[in-house]
């Protein structure tokens, strides 16, 4: 059986960048084939999301409430979503997504860096060569 190593990606925008480590999931594999990708950032509360042009099915372990810094794929919007704090539908301090999303992995380091992304910023996702 072939084992896959986690996929690392760099996410960059005009005022910053971070890396994320993605688990080997069907969604990650589909997304990896589309890299590098450039999109336009949108924000929803303390969440950054953007179109990927990738369309996948909801996975069985899709979740609506995740930890800050979790990298998720919003199936209903074909978008990568990066929650780092409460959204307009959160209860208390939780990261509550618009609908259940496929969980892909985690941001490396401090997810609060995402607070510097502005709606309309160009955002780029590319593989990181280890």
C-alpha atoms as a PDB file:
ATOM      1  CA  UNK A   1       0.000   0.000   0.000  1.00  0.00           C
ATOM      2  CA  UNK A   2       1.346   3.403  -0.958  1.00  0.00           C
ATOM      3  CA  UNK A   3       1.646   5.898   1.865  1.00  0.00           C
ATOM      4  CA  UNK A   4       1.288   9.590   1.202  1.00  0.00           C
ATOM      5  CA  UNK A   5       3.179  12.191   3.128  1.00  0.00           C
ATOM      6  CA  UNK A   6       1.222  15.221   4.300  1.00  0.00           C
ATOM      7  CA  UNK A   7       0.971  18.006   1.752  1.00  0.00           C
ATOM      8  CA  UNK A   8       2.420  21.385   2.731  1.00  0.00           C
ATOM      9  CA  UNK A   9       1.152  24.541   1.083  1.00  0.00           C
ATOM     10  CA  UNK A  10       2.041  28.212   1.279  1.00  0.00           C
ATOM     11  CA  UNK A  11      -0.858  30.662   1.381  1.00  0.00           C
ATOM     12  CA  UNK A  12       0.166  34.236   0.573  1.00  0.00           C
ATOM     13  CA  UNK A  13      -1.599  37.586   0.342  1.00  0.00           C
ATOM     14  CA  UNK A  14      -0.277  41.162  -0.015  1.00  0.00           C
ATOM     15  CA  UNK A  15       0.452  41.718   3.700  1.00  0.00           C
ATOM     16  CA  UNK A  16       1.617  38.269   4.744  1.00  0.00           C
ATOM     17  CA  UNK A  17       1.794  34.521   4.281  1.00  0.00           C
ATOM     18  CA  UNK A  18       1.659  31.291   6.210  1.00  0.00           C
ATOM     19  CA  UNK A  19       2.049  27.606   5.560  1.00  0.00           C
ATOM     20  CA  UNK A  20      -0.349  24.795   6.295  1.00  0.00           C
ATOM     21  CA  UNK A  21       0.012  21.042   6.563  1.00  0.00           C
ATOM     22  CA  UNK A  22      -2.779  19.098   4.892  1.00  0.00           C
ATOM     23  CA  UNK A  23      -3.672  15.481   5.604  1.00  0.00           C
ATOM     24  CA  UNK A  24      -3.968  12.954   2.810  1.00  0.00           C
ATOM     25  CA  UNK A  25      -7.693  13.132   2.039  1.00  0.00           C
ATOM     26  CA  UNK A  26      -9.604  12.855  -1.263  1.00  0.00           C
ATOM     27  CA  UNK A  27     -10.221  16.618  -1.092  1.00  0.00           C
ATOM     28  CA  UNK A  28      -6.532  17.393  -0.501  1.00  0.00           C
ATOM     29  CA  UNK A  29      -5.619  15.211  -3.480  1.00  0.00           C
ATOM     30  CA  UNK A  30      -8.119  17.052  -5.722  1.00  0.00           C
ATOM     31  CA  UNK A  31      -6.896  20.425  -4.471  1.00  0.00           C
ATOM     32  CA  UNK A  32      -3.222  19.480  -4.959  1.00  0.00           C
ATOM     33  CA  UNK A  33      -3.887  18.862  -8.666  1.00  0.00           C
ATOM     34  CA  UNK A  34      -5.172  22.458  -8.985  1.00  0.00           C
ATOM     35  CA  UNK A  35      -2.076  24.079  -7.418  1.00  0.00           C
ATOM     36  CA  UNK A  36      -0.756  26.669  -7.735  1.00  0.00           C
ATOM     37  CA  UNK A  37      -3.979  28.627  -7.609  1.00  0.00           C
ATOM     38  CA  UNK A  38      -4.701  32.319  -7.385  1.00  0.00           C
ATOM     39  CA  UNK A  39      -8.022  33.591  -6.104  1.00  0.00           C
ATOM     40  CA  UNK A  40      -9.669  36.568  -4.442  1.00  0.00           C
ATOM     41  CA  UNK A  41      -9.989  36.532  -0.667  1.00  0.00           C
ATOM     42  CA  UNK A  42     -13.348  37.017   0.983  1.00  0.00           C
ATOM     43  CA  UNK A  43     -13.972  37.328   4.707  1.00  0.00           C
ATOM     44  CA  UNK A  44     -16.859  36.251   6.909  1.00  0.00           C
ATOM     45  CA  UNK A  45     -16.303  37.226  10.508  1.00  0.00           C
ATOM     46  CA  UNK A  46     -12.927  35.775  11.534  1.00  0.00           C
ATOM     47  CA  UNK A  47     -12.757  33.480   8.520  1.00  0.00           C
ATOM     48  CA  UNK A  48     -10.981  33.907   5.194  1.00  0.00           C
ATOM     49  CA  UNK A  49     -12.300  31.921   2.253  1.00  0.00           C
ATOM     50  CA  UNK A  50     -11.771  31.885  -1.488  1.00  0.00           C
ATOM     51  CA  UNK A  51     -12.820  30.044  -4.631  1.00  0.00           C
ATOM     52  CA  UNK A  52     -10.633  27.169  -5.773  1.00  0.00           C
ATOM     53  CA  UNK A  53     -12.378  26.019  -8.952  1.00  0.00           C
ATOM     54  CA  UNK A  54     -12.219  22.520  -7.420  1.00  0.00           C
ATOM     55  CA  UNK A  55     -15.469  20.634  -6.904  1.00  0.00           C
ATOM     56  CA  UNK A  56     -15.578  17.699  -4.469  1.00  0.00           C
ATOM     57  CA  UNK A  57     -18.145  15.771  -2.447  1.00  0.00           C
ATOM     58  CA  UNK A  58     -18.669  16.206   1.281  1.00  0.00           C
ATOM     59  CA  UNK A  59     -16.583  13.673   3.172  1.00  0.00           C
ATOM     60  CA  UNK A  60     -18.054  11.524   5.946  1.00  0.00           C
ATOM     61  CA  UNK A  61     -16.087  13.354   8.670  1.00  0.00           C
ATOM     62  CA  UNK A  62     -17.113  16.860   7.542  1.00  0.00           C
ATOM     63  CA  UNK A  63     -17.606  19.226  10.504  1.00  0.00           C
ATOM     64  CA  UNK A  64     -19.264  22.582  11.085  1.00  0.00           C
ATOM     65  CA  UNK A  65     -17.426  23.592  14.271  1.00  0.00           C
ATOM     66  CA  UNK A  66     -13.611  23.470  14.173  1.00  0.00           C
ATOM     67  CA  UNK A  67     -10.603  24.804  16.056  1.00  0.00           C
ATOM     68  CA  UNK A  68      -9.057  28.133  14.969  1.00  0.00           C
ATOM     69  CA  UNK A  69      -6.423  27.475  12.320  1.00  0.00           C
ATOM     70  CA  UNK A  70      -8.121  24.403  10.867  1.00  0.00           C
ATOM     71  CA  UNK A  71      -7.942  24.298   7.059  1.00  0.00           C
ATOM     72  CA  UNK A  72     -11.293  23.239   5.642  1.00  0.00           C
ATOM     73  CA  UNK A  73     -12.929  22.902   2.241  1.00  0.00           C
ATOM     74  CA  UNK A  74     -16.393  24.451   1.958  1.00  0.00           C
ATOM     75  CA  UNK A  75     -18.097  21.988  -0.398  1.00  0.00           C
ATOM     76  CA  UNK A  76     -21.166  24.195  -0.971  1.00  0.00           C
ATOM     77  CA  UNK A  77     -18.947  27.011  -2.279  1.00  0.00           C
ATOM     78  CA  UNK A  78     -16.022  25.079  -3.877  1.00  0.00           C
ATOM     79  CA  UNK A  79     -13.875  27.181  -1.559  1.00  0.00           C
ATOM     80  CA  UNK A  80     -10.960  26.784   0.803  1.00  0.00           C
ATOM     81  CA  UNK A  81     -11.854  28.281   4.194  1.00  0.00           C
ATOM     82  CA  UNK A  82      -9.448  29.340   6.946  1.00  0.00           C
ATOM     83  CA  UNK A  83     -11.304  30.115  10.175  1.00  0.00           C
ATOM     84  CA  UNK A  84      -9.254  31.834  12.887  1.00  0.00           C
ATOM     85  CA  UNK A  85     -12.024  33.019  15.220  1.00  0.00           C
ATOM     86  CA  UNK A  86     -15.780  33.474  15.514  1.00  0.00           C
ATOM     87  CA  UNK A  87     -18.010  33.825  12.453  1.00  0.00           C
ATOM     88  CA  UNK A  88     -21.386  35.614  12.368  1.00  0.00           C
ATOM     89  CA  UNK A  89     -23.157  32.361  13.384  1.00  0.00           C
ATOM     90  CA  UNK A  90     -20.698  31.269  16.097  1.00  0.00           C
ATOM     91  CA  UNK A  91     -21.776  30.662  19.651  1.00  0.00           C
ATOM     92  CA  UNK A  92     -19.277  32.284  22.006  1.00  0.00           C
ATOM     93  CA  UNK A  93     -15.687  31.944  20.699  1.00  0.00           C
ATOM     94  CA  UNK A  94     -16.131  28.869  18.492  1.00  0.00           C
ATOM     95  CA  UNK A  95     -15.303  28.755  14.767  1.00  0.00           C
ATOM     96  CA  UNK A  96     -18.684  27.815  13.305  1.00  0.00           C
ATOM     97  CA  UNK A  97     -18.665  27.368   9.536  1.00  0.00           C
ATOM     98  CA  UNK A  98     -21.582  28.150   7.200  1.00  0.00           C
ATOM     99  CA  UNK A  99     -22.190  24.410   6.692  1.00  0.00           C
ATOM    100  CA  UNK A 100     -20.271  21.183   7.347  1.00  0.00           C
ATOM    101  CA  UNK A 101     -16.860  21.351   5.639  1.00  0.00           C
ATOM    102  CA  UNK A 102     -14.228  18.755   4.775  1.00  0.00           C
ATOM    103  CA  UNK A 103     -11.355  19.011   7.251  1.00  0.00           C
ATOM    104  CA  UNK A 104      -8.003  19.099   5.425  1.00  0.00           C
ATOM    105  CA  UNK A 105      -5.386  20.016   8.018  1.00  0.00           C
ATOM    106  CA  UNK A 106      -3.980  22.865  10.068  1.00  0.00           C
ATOM    107  CA  UNK A 107      -2.247  26.176   9.634  1.00  0.00           C
ATOM    108  CA  UNK A 108       1.385  26.032  10.815  1.00  0.00           C
ATOM    109  CA  UNK A 109       1.984  28.666  13.478  1.00  0.00           C
ATOM    110  CA  UNK A 110      -0.377  31.448  14.516  1.00  0.00           C
ATOM    111  CA  UNK A 111      -3.713  31.502  12.649  1.00  0.00           C
ATOM    112  CA  UNK A 112      -4.239  35.117  13.828  1.00  0.00           C
ATOM    113  CA  UNK A 113      -1.974  36.142  10.915  1.00  0.00           C
ATOM    114  CA  UNK A 114      -5.103  35.650   8.804  1.00  0.00           C
ATOM    115  CA  UNK A 115      -6.558  38.783  10.436  1.00  0.00           C
ATOM    116  CA  UNK A 116      -4.385  40.809   8.026  1.00  0.00           C
ATOM    117  CA  UNK A 117      -6.216  39.438   4.962  1.00  0.00           C
ATOM    118  CA  UNK A 118      -8.703  41.942   3.521  1.00  0.00           C
ATOM    119  CA  UNK A 119     -11.697  41.072   1.375  1.00  0.00           C
ATOM    120  CA  UNK A 120     -10.676  41.505  -2.260  1.00  0.00           C
ATOM    121  CA  UNK A 121      -6.978  40.725  -1.628  1.00  0.00           C
ATOM    122  CA  UNK A 122      -5.373  38.430  -4.179  1.00  0.00           C
ATOM    123  CA  UNK A 123      -4.507  35.167  -2.469  1.00  0.00           C
ATOM    124  CA  UNK A 124      -2.193  32.461  -3.765  1.00  0.00           C
ATOM    125  CA  UNK A 125      -1.872  28.822  -2.727  1.00  0.00           C
ATOM    126  CA  UNK A 126       1.148  26.852  -3.875  1.00  0.00           C
ATOM    127  CA  UNK A 127       2.925  23.662  -2.853  1.00  0.00           C
ATOM    128  CA  UNK A 128       5.889  23.924  -0.486  1.00  0.00           C
ATOM    129  CA  UNK A 129       8.865  21.848  -1.517  1.00  0.00           C
ATOM    130  CA  UNK A 130      10.437  20.377   1.590  1.00  0.00           C
END
